[in-house]
Amino acid sequence: TGWISGDSGIILNTTNSGLTWNIQPTEIFED
């Protein structure tokens, strides 16, 4: 399990050791 953050309010999450990543809803537009 892990997370990656980036621009435009993006947070990505994986639960399978990085094979796939899903966008999590932050509802903000800032980096």
PDB file of all heavy atoms in Angstrom:
ATOM      1  N   THR A   1       0.838  -1.208   0.000  1.00  0.00           N
ATOM      2  CA  THR A   1       0.000   0.000   0.000  1.00  0.00           C
ATOM      3  C   THR A   1       0.865   1.246   0.000  1.00  0.00           C
ATOM      4  O   THR A   1       1.801   1.369   0.794  1.00  0.00           O
ATOM      5  CB  THR A   1      -0.921   0.009   1.239  1.00  0.00           C
ATOM      6  OG1 THR A   1      -1.667  -1.198   1.262  1.00  0.00           O
ATOM      7  CG2 THR A   1      -1.869   1.186   1.191  1.00  0.00           C
ATOM      8  N   GLY A   2       0.538   2.193  -0.883  1.00  0.00           N
ATOM      9  CA  GLY A   2       1.317   3.428  -0.943  1.00  0.00           C
ATOM     10  C   GLY A   2       0.542   4.548  -1.607  1.00  0.00           C
ATOM     11  O   GLY A   2      -0.521   4.335  -2.202  1.00  0.00           O
ATOM     12  N   TRP A   3       1.124   5.762  -1.508  1.00  0.00           N
ATOM     13  CA  TRP A   3       0.493   6.955  -2.060  1.00  0.00           C
ATOM     14  C   TRP A   3       1.540   7.820  -2.760  1.00  0.00           C
ATOM     15  O   TRP A   3       2.708   7.825  -2.390  1.00  0.00           O
ATOM     16  CB  TRP A   3      -0.165   7.792  -0.956  1.00  0.00           C
ATOM     17  CG  TRP A   3      -1.364   7.138  -0.333  1.00  0.00           C
ATOM     18  CD1 TRP A   3      -2.676   7.352  -0.627  1.00  0.00           C
ATOM     19  CD2 TRP A   3      -1.364   6.158   0.706  1.00  0.00           C
ATOM     20  NE1 TRP A   3      -3.495   6.569   0.151  1.00  0.00           N
ATOM     21  CE2 TRP A   3      -2.717   5.821   0.982  1.00  0.00           C
ATOM     22  CE3 TRP A   3      -0.363   5.524   1.436  1.00  0.00           C
ATOM     23  CZ2 TRP A   3      -3.073   4.896   1.956  1.00  0.00           C
ATOM     24  CZ3 TRP A   3      -0.722   4.590   2.404  1.00  0.00           C
ATOM     25  CH2 TRP A   3      -2.062   4.288   2.656  1.00  0.00           C
ATOM     26  N   ILE A   4       1.098   8.534  -3.777  1.00  0.00           N
ATOM     27  CA  ILE A   4       1.922   9.507  -4.493  1.00  0.00           C
ATOM     28  C   ILE A   4       1.096  10.781  -4.644  1.00  0.00           C
ATOM     29  O   ILE A   4      -0.097  10.718  -4.957  1.00  0.00           O
ATOM     30  CB  ILE A   4       2.347   8.993  -5.878  1.00  0.00           C
ATOM     31  CG1 ILE A   4       3.270   7.772  -5.750  1.00  0.00           C
ATOM     32  CG2 ILE A   4       3.058  10.082  -6.667  1.00  0.00           C
ATOM     33  CD1 ILE A   4       3.584   7.103  -7.072  1.00  0.00           C
ATOM     34  N   SER A   5       1.722  11.930  -4.418  1.00  0.00           N
ATOM     35  CA  SER A   5       1.006  13.204  -4.593  1.00  0.00           C
ATOM     36  C   SER A   5       1.645  14.001  -5.719  1.00  0.00           C
ATOM     37  O   SER A   5       2.824  13.837  -6.031  1.00  0.00           O
ATOM     38  CB  SER A   5       1.024  14.018  -3.298  1.00  0.00           C
ATOM     39  OG  SER A   5       2.352  14.370  -2.950  1.00  0.00           O
ATOM     40  N   GLY A   6       0.828  14.896  -6.329  1.00  0.00           N
ATOM     41  CA  GLY A   6       1.332  15.688  -7.441  1.00  0.00           C
ATOM     42  C   GLY A   6       0.543  16.967  -7.641  1.00  0.00           C
ATOM     43  O   GLY A   6      -0.126  17.456  -6.717  1.00  0.00           O
ATOM     44  N   ASP A   7       0.608  17.496  -8.854  1.00  0.00           N
ATOM     45  CA  ASP A   7      -0.015  18.793  -9.103  1.00  0.00           C
ATOM     46  C   ASP A   7      -1.526  18.660  -9.296  1.00  0.00           C
ATOM     47  O   ASP A   7      -2.081  17.554  -9.386  1.00  0.00           O
ATOM     48  CB  ASP A   7       0.636  19.507 -10.287  1.00  0.00           C
ATOM     49  CG  ASP A   7       0.469  18.756 -11.601  1.00  0.00           C
ATOM     50  OD1 ASP A   7      -0.473  17.964 -11.729  1.00  0.00           O
ATOM     51  OD2 ASP A   7       1.297  18.978 -12.503  1.00  0.00           O
ATOM     52  N   SER A   8      -2.201  19.806  -9.310  1.00  0.00           N
ATOM     53  CA  SER A   8      -3.642  19.886  -9.574  1.00  0.00           C
ATOM     54  C   SER A   8      -4.470  19.049  -8.605  1.00  0.00           C
ATOM     55  O   SER A   8      -5.491  18.479  -8.969  1.00  0.00           O
ATOM     56  CB  SER A   8      -3.945  19.460 -11.023  1.00  0.00           C
ATOM     57  OG  SER A   8      -3.221  20.257 -11.935  1.00  0.00           O
ATOM     58  N   GLY A   9      -4.012  18.962  -7.344  1.00  0.00           N
ATOM     59  CA  GLY A   9      -4.778  18.270  -6.321  1.00  0.00           C
ATOM     60  C   GLY A   9      -4.771  16.763  -6.422  1.00  0.00           C
ATOM     61  O   GLY A   9      -5.647  16.106  -5.863  1.00  0.00           O
ATOM     62  N   ILE A  10      -3.786  16.175  -7.095  1.00  0.00           N
ATOM     63  CA  ILE A  10      -3.817  14.730  -7.342  1.00  0.00           C
ATOM     64  C   ILE A  10      -3.129  13.945  -6.232  1.00  0.00           C
ATOM     65  O   ILE A  10      -2.048  14.303  -5.762  1.00  0.00           O
ATOM     66  CB  ILE A  10      -3.182  14.381  -8.708  1.00  0.00           C
ATOM     67  CG1 ILE A  10      -3.518  12.936  -9.101  1.00  0.00           C
ATOM     68  CG2 ILE A  10      -1.678  14.590  -8.692  1.00  0.00           C
ATOM     69  CD1 ILE A  10      -3.142  12.585 -10.511  1.00  0.00           C
ATOM     70  N   ILE A  11      -3.808  12.891  -5.770  1.00  0.00           N
ATOM     71  CA  ILE A  11      -3.217  11.878  -4.906  1.00  0.00           C
ATOM     72  C   ILE A  11      -3.548  10.519  -5.517  1.00  0.00           C
ATOM     73  O   ILE A  11      -4.706  10.224  -5.801  1.00  0.00           O
ATOM     74  CB  ILE A  11      -3.741  11.956  -3.467  1.00  0.00           C
ATOM     75  CG1 ILE A  11      -3.298  13.268  -2.800  1.00  0.00           C
ATOM     76  CG2 ILE A  11      -3.233  10.767  -2.644  1.00  0.00           C
ATOM     77  CD1 ILE A  11      -3.795  13.437  -1.376  1.00  0.00           C
ATOM     78  N   LEU A  12      -2.510   9.709  -5.732  1.00  0.00           N
ATOM     79  CA  LEU A  12      -2.674   8.369  -6.275  1.00  0.00           C
ATOM     80  C   LEU A  12      -2.446   7.346  -5.168  1.00  0.00           C
ATOM     81  O   LEU A  12      -1.598   7.547  -4.294  1.00  0.00           O
ATOM     82  CB  LEU A  12      -1.678   8.103  -7.405  1.00  0.00           C
ATOM     83  CG  LEU A  12      -1.707   9.039  -8.615  1.00  0.00           C
ATOM     84  CD1 LEU A  12      -0.566   8.690  -9.553  1.00  0.00           C
ATOM     85  CD2 LEU A  12      -3.032   8.937  -9.331  1.00  0.00           C
ATOM     86  N   ASN A  13      -3.173   6.237  -5.218  1.00  0.00           N
ATOM     87  CA  ASN A  13      -3.061   5.186  -4.216  1.00  0.00           C
ATOM     88  C   ASN A  13      -2.934   3.823  -4.894  1.00  0.00           C
ATOM     89  O   ASN A  13      -3.580   3.558  -5.907  1.00  0.00           O
ATOM     90  CB  ASN A  13      -4.298   5.202  -3.302  1.00  0.00           C
ATOM     91  CG  ASN A  13      -4.426   3.943  -2.464  1.00  0.00           C
ATOM     92  OD1 ASN A  13      -5.347   3.167  -2.639  1.00  0.00           O
ATOM     93  ND2 ASN A  13      -3.490   3.750  -1.553  1.00  0.00           N
ATOM     94  N   THR A  14      -2.074   2.988  -4.341  1.00  0.00           N
ATOM     95  CA  THR A  14      -1.969   1.610  -4.795  1.00  0.00           C
ATOM     96  C   THR A  14      -2.160   0.670  -3.617  1.00  0.00           C
ATOM     97  O   THR A  14      -1.756   0.979  -2.493  1.00  0.00           O
ATOM     98  CB  THR A  14      -0.611   1.321  -5.454  1.00  0.00           C
ATOM     99  OG1 THR A  14      -0.579  -0.034  -5.905  1.00  0.00           O
ATOM    100  CG2 THR A  14       0.538   1.541  -4.493  1.00  0.00           C
ATOM    101  N   THR A  15      -2.785  -0.461  -3.859  1.00  0.00           N
ATOM    102  CA  THR A  15      -2.924  -1.503  -2.839  1.00  0.00           C
ATOM    103  C   THR A  15      -2.359  -2.831  -3.339  1.00  0.00           C
ATOM    104  O   THR A  15      -2.562  -3.860  -2.698  1.00  0.00           O
ATOM    105  CB  THR A  15      -4.409  -1.682  -2.445  1.00  0.00           C
ATOM    106  OG1 THR A  15      -5.175  -1.969  -3.621  1.00  0.00           O
ATOM    107  CG2 THR A  15      -4.949  -0.431  -1.770  1.00  0.00           C
ATOM    108  N   ASN A  16      -1.647  -2.777  -4.480  1.00  0.00           N
ATOM    109  CA  ASN A  16      -1.063  -4.008  -5.032  1.00  0.00           C
ATOM    110  C   ASN A  16       0.401  -3.795  -5.427  1.00  0.00           C
ATOM    111  O   ASN A  16       0.837  -4.216  -6.486  1.00  0.00           O
ATOM    112  CB  ASN A  16      -1.880  -4.513  -6.221  1.00  0.00           C
ATOM    113  CG  ASN A  16      -2.015  -3.477  -7.325  1.00  0.00           C
ATOM    114  OD1 ASN A  16      -1.337  -2.444  -7.301  1.00  0.00           O
ATOM    115  ND2 ASN A  16      -2.885  -3.735  -8.280  1.00  0.00           N
ATOM    116  N   SER A  17       1.122  -3.094  -4.546  1.00  0.00           N
ATOM    117  CA  SER A  17       2.565  -2.900  -4.722  1.00  0.00           C
ATOM    118  C   SER A  17       2.909  -2.130  -6.002  1.00  0.00           C
ATOM    119  O   SER A  17       3.929  -2.364  -6.624  1.00  0.00           O
ATOM    120  CB  SER A  17       3.303  -4.241  -4.712  1.00  0.00           C
ATOM    121  OG  SER A  17       4.686  -4.053  -4.553  1.00  0.00           O
ATOM    122  N   GLY A  18       2.029  -1.196  -6.381  1.00  0.00           N
ATOM    123  CA  GLY A  18       2.331  -0.308  -7.490  1.00  0.00           C
ATOM    124  C   GLY A  18       1.984  -0.824  -8.868  1.00  0.00           C
ATOM    125  O   GLY A  18       2.290  -0.163  -9.861  1.00  0.00           O
ATOM    126  N   LEU A  19       1.347  -1.979  -8.956  1.00  0.00           N
ATOM    127  CA  LEU A  19       0.962  -2.477 -10.279  1.00  0.00           C
ATOM    128  C   LEU A  19      -0.093  -1.585 -10.911  1.00  0.00           C
ATOM    129  O   LEU A  19      -0.084  -1.341 -12.114  1.00  0.00           O
ATOM    130  CB  LEU A  19       0.453  -3.920 -10.169  1.00  0.00           C
ATOM    131  CG  LEU A  19       1.492  -4.956  -9.726  1.00  0.00           C
ATOM    132  CD1 LEU A  19       0.847  -6.331  -9.615  1.00  0.00           C
ATOM    133  CD2 LEU A  19       2.661  -4.993 -10.704  1.00  0.00           C
ATOM    134  N   THR A  20      -1.025  -1.090 -10.110  1.00  0.00           N
ATOM    135  CA  THR A  20      -2.018  -0.128 -10.587  1.00  0.00           C
ATOM    136  C   THR A  20      -2.150   0.985  -9.559  1.00  0.00           C
ATOM    137  O   THR A  20      -1.923   0.788  -8.356  1.00  0.00           O
ATOM    138  CB  THR A  20      -3.401  -0.787 -10.794  1.00  0.00           C
ATOM    139  OG1 THR A  20      -3.843  -1.360  -9.556  1.00  0.00           O
ATOM    140  CG2 THR A  20      -3.328  -1.857 -11.861  1.00  0.00           C
ATOM    141  N   TRP A  21      -2.531   2.176 -10.057  1.00  0.00           N
ATOM    142  CA  TRP A  21      -2.702   3.351  -9.205  1.00  0.00           C
ATOM    143  C   TRP A  21      -4.076   3.948  -9.461  1.00  0.00           C
ATOM    144  O   TRP A  21      -4.502   4.075 -10.610  1.00  0.00           O
ATOM    145  CB  TRP A  21      -1.615   4.386  -9.497  1.00  0.00           C
ATOM    146  CG  TRP A  21      -0.242   3.918  -9.160  1.00  0.00           C
ATOM    147  CD1 TRP A  21       0.609   3.209  -9.959  1.00  0.00           C
ATOM    148  CD2 TRP A  21       0.442   4.099  -7.921  1.00  0.00           C
ATOM    149  NE1 TRP A  21       1.778   2.946  -9.302  1.00  0.00           N
ATOM    150  CE2 TRP A  21       1.710   3.484  -8.043  1.00  0.00           C
ATOM    151  CE3 TRP A  21       0.107   4.740  -6.725  1.00  0.00           C
ATOM    152  CZ2 TRP A  21       2.647   3.481  -7.010  1.00  0.00           C
ATOM    153  CZ3 TRP A  21       1.041   4.729  -5.698  1.00  0.00           C
ATOM    154  CH2 TRP A  21       2.292   4.109  -5.843  1.00  0.00           C
ATOM    155  N   ASN A  22      -4.763   4.318  -8.396  1.00  0.00           N
ATOM    156  CA  ASN A  22      -6.088   4.927  -8.497  1.00  0.00           C
ATOM    157  C   ASN A  22      -6.056   6.349  -7.950  1.00  0.00           C
ATOM    158  O   ASN A  22      -5.410   6.620  -6.932  1.00  0.00           O
ATOM    159  CB  ASN A  22      -7.117   4.099  -7.705  1.00  0.00           C
ATOM    160  CG  ASN A  22      -7.224   2.684  -8.223  1.00  0.00           C
ATOM    161  OD1 ASN A  22      -7.396   2.469  -9.415  1.00  0.00           O
ATOM    162  ND2 ASN A  22      -7.090   1.705  -7.332  1.00  0.00           N
ATOM    163  N   ILE A  23      -6.759   7.243  -8.626  1.00  0.00           N
ATOM    164  CA  ILE A  23      -6.848   8.626  -8.170  1.00  0.00           C
ATOM    165  C   ILE A  23      -7.835   8.722  -7.016  1.00  0.00           C
ATOM    166  O   ILE A  23      -8.944   8.200  -7.084  1.00  0.00           O
ATOM    167  CB  ILE A  23      -7.276   9.557  -9.319  1.00  0.00           C
ATOM    168  CG1 ILE A  23      -6.158   9.640 -10.359  1.00  0.00           C
ATOM    169  CG2 ILE A  23      -7.611  10.946  -8.798  1.00  0.00           C
ATOM    170  CD1 ILE A  23      -6.482  10.511 -11.526  1.00  0.00           C
ATOM    171  N   GLN A  24      -7.423   9.392  -5.943  1.00  0.00           N
ATOM    172  CA  GLN A  24      -8.302   9.611  -4.804  1.00  0.00           C
ATOM    173  C   GLN A  24      -8.876  11.027  -4.855  1.00  0.00           C
ATOM    174  O   GLN A  24      -8.164  11.979  -5.178  1.00  0.00           O
ATOM    175  CB  GLN A  24      -7.544   9.395  -3.495  1.00  0.00           C
ATOM    176  CG  GLN A  24      -7.072   7.963  -3.333  1.00  0.00           C
ATOM    177  CD  GLN A  24      -6.491   7.678  -1.963  1.00  0.00           C
ATOM    178  OE1 GLN A  24      -5.907   8.543  -1.335  1.00  0.00           O
ATOM    179  NE2 GLN A  24      -6.658   6.448  -1.490  1.00  0.00           N
ATOM    180  N   PRO A  25     -10.157  11.196  -4.552  1.00  0.00           N
ATOM    181  CA  PRO A  25     -10.790  12.522  -4.667  1.00  0.00           C
ATOM    182  C   PRO A  25     -10.399  13.445  -3.526  1.00  0.00           C
ATOM    183  O   PRO A  25     -10.720  13.203  -2.358  1.00  0.00           O
ATOM    184  CB  PRO A  25     -12.292  12.184  -4.606  1.00  0.00           C
ATOM    185  CG  PRO A  25     -12.359  10.917  -3.805  1.00  0.00           C
ATOM    186  CD  PRO A  25     -11.107  10.147  -4.131  1.00  0.00           C
ATOM    187  N   THR A  26      -9.674  14.522  -3.842  1.00  0.00           N
ATOM    188  CA  THR A  26      -9.294  15.505  -2.826  1.00  0.00           C
ATOM    189  C   THR A  26     -10.186  16.745  -2.846  1.00  0.00           C
ATOM    190  O   THR A  26     -10.219  17.496  -1.878  1.00  0.00           O
ATOM    191  CB  THR A  26      -7.841  15.959  -3.035  1.00  0.00           C
ATOM    192  OG1 THR A  26      -7.717  16.598  -4.322  1.00  0.00           O
ATOM    193  CG2 THR A  26      -6.891  14.766  -2.980  1.00  0.00           C
ATOM    194  N   GLU A  27     -10.850  16.969  -3.994  1.00  0.00           N
ATOM    195  CA  GLU A  27     -11.740  18.120  -4.159  1.00  0.00           C
ATOM    196  C   GLU A  27     -11.010  19.449  -4.034  1.00  0.00           C
ATOM    197  O   GLU A  27     -11.599  20.459  -3.659  1.00  0.00           O
ATOM    198  CB  GLU A  27     -12.891  18.071  -3.142  1.00  0.00           C
ATOM    199  CG  GLU A  27     -13.726  16.805  -3.209  1.00  0.00           C
ATOM    200  CD  GLU A  27     -14.346  16.573  -4.591  1.00  0.00           C
ATOM    201  OE1 GLU A  27     -14.679  17.566  -5.254  1.00  0.00           O
ATOM    202  OE2 GLU A  27     -14.484  15.386  -4.978  1.00  0.00           O
ATOM    203  N   ILE A  28      -9.702  19.465  -4.317  1.00  0.00           N
ATOM    204  CA  ILE A  28      -8.980  20.725  -4.393  1.00  0.00           C
ATOM    205  C   ILE A  28      -8.219  20.765  -5.705  1.00  0.00           C
ATOM    206  O   ILE A  28      -7.986  19.737  -6.342  1.00  0.00           O
ATOM    207  CB  ILE A  28      -8.012  20.923  -3.204  1.00  0.00           C
ATOM    208  CG1 ILE A  28      -6.834  19.941  -3.282  1.00  0.00           C
ATOM    209  CG2 ILE A  28      -8.736  20.789  -1.868  1.00  0.00           C
ATOM    210  CD1 ILE A  28      -5.775  20.250  -2.270  1.00  0.00           C
ATOM    211  N   PHE A  29      -7.831  21.973  -6.124  1.00  0.00           N
ATOM    212  CA  PHE A  29      -7.160  22.154  -7.409  1.00  0.00           C
ATOM    213  C   PHE A  29      -5.690  22.537  -7.243  1.00  0.00           C
ATOM    214  O   PHE A  29      -4.949  22.578  -8.218  1.00  0.00           O
ATOM    215  CB  PHE A  29      -7.875  23.241  -8.210  1.00  0.00           C
ATOM    216  CG  PHE A  29      -9.322  22.911  -8.481  1.00  0.00           C
ATOM    217  CD1 PHE A  29     -10.332  23.482  -7.725  1.00  0.00           C
ATOM    218  CD2 PHE A  29      -9.683  22.015  -9.475  1.00  0.00           C
ATOM    219  CE1 PHE A  29     -11.658  23.186  -7.961  1.00  0.00           C
ATOM    220  CE2 PHE A  29     -10.999  21.709  -9.719  1.00  0.00           C
ATOM    221  CZ  PHE A  29     -12.010  22.289  -8.961  1.00  0.00           C
ATOM    222  N   GLU A  30      -5.277  22.844  -6.030  1.00  0.00           N
ATOM    223  CA  GLU A  30      -3.903  23.246  -5.789  1.00  0.00           C
ATOM    224  C   GLU A  30      -2.968  22.031  -5.805  1.00  0.00           C
ATOM    225  O   GLU A  30      -3.399  20.896  -5.607  1.00  0.00           O
ATOM    226  CB  GLU A  30      -3.783  23.969  -4.442  1.00  0.00           C
ATOM    227  CG  GLU A  30      -4.431  25.344  -4.394  1.00  0.00           C
ATOM    228  CD  GLU A  30      -5.945  25.271  -4.270  1.00  0.00           C
ATOM    229  OE1 GLU A  30      -6.462  24.217  -3.823  1.00  0.00           O
ATOM    230  OE2 GLU A  30      -6.614  26.252  -4.611  1.00  0.00           O
ATOM    231  N   ASP A  31      -1.675  22.292  -6.017  1.00  0.00           N
ATOM    232  CA  ASP A  31      -0.684  21.221  -6.005  1.00  0.00           C
ATOM    233  C   ASP A  31      -0.570  20.633  -4.600  1.00  0.00           C
ATOM    234  O   ASP A  31      -0.548  21.364  -3.610  1.00  0.00           O
ATOM    235  CB  ASP A  31       0.689  21.744  -6.431  1.00  0.00           C
ATOM    236  CG  ASP A  31       0.691  22.243  -7.867  1.00  0.00           C
ATOM    237  OD1 ASP A  31      -0.330  22.063  -8.555  1.00  0.00           O
ATOM    238  OD2 ASP A  31       1.706  22.824  -8.283  1.00  0.00           O
TER     239      ASP A  31
END
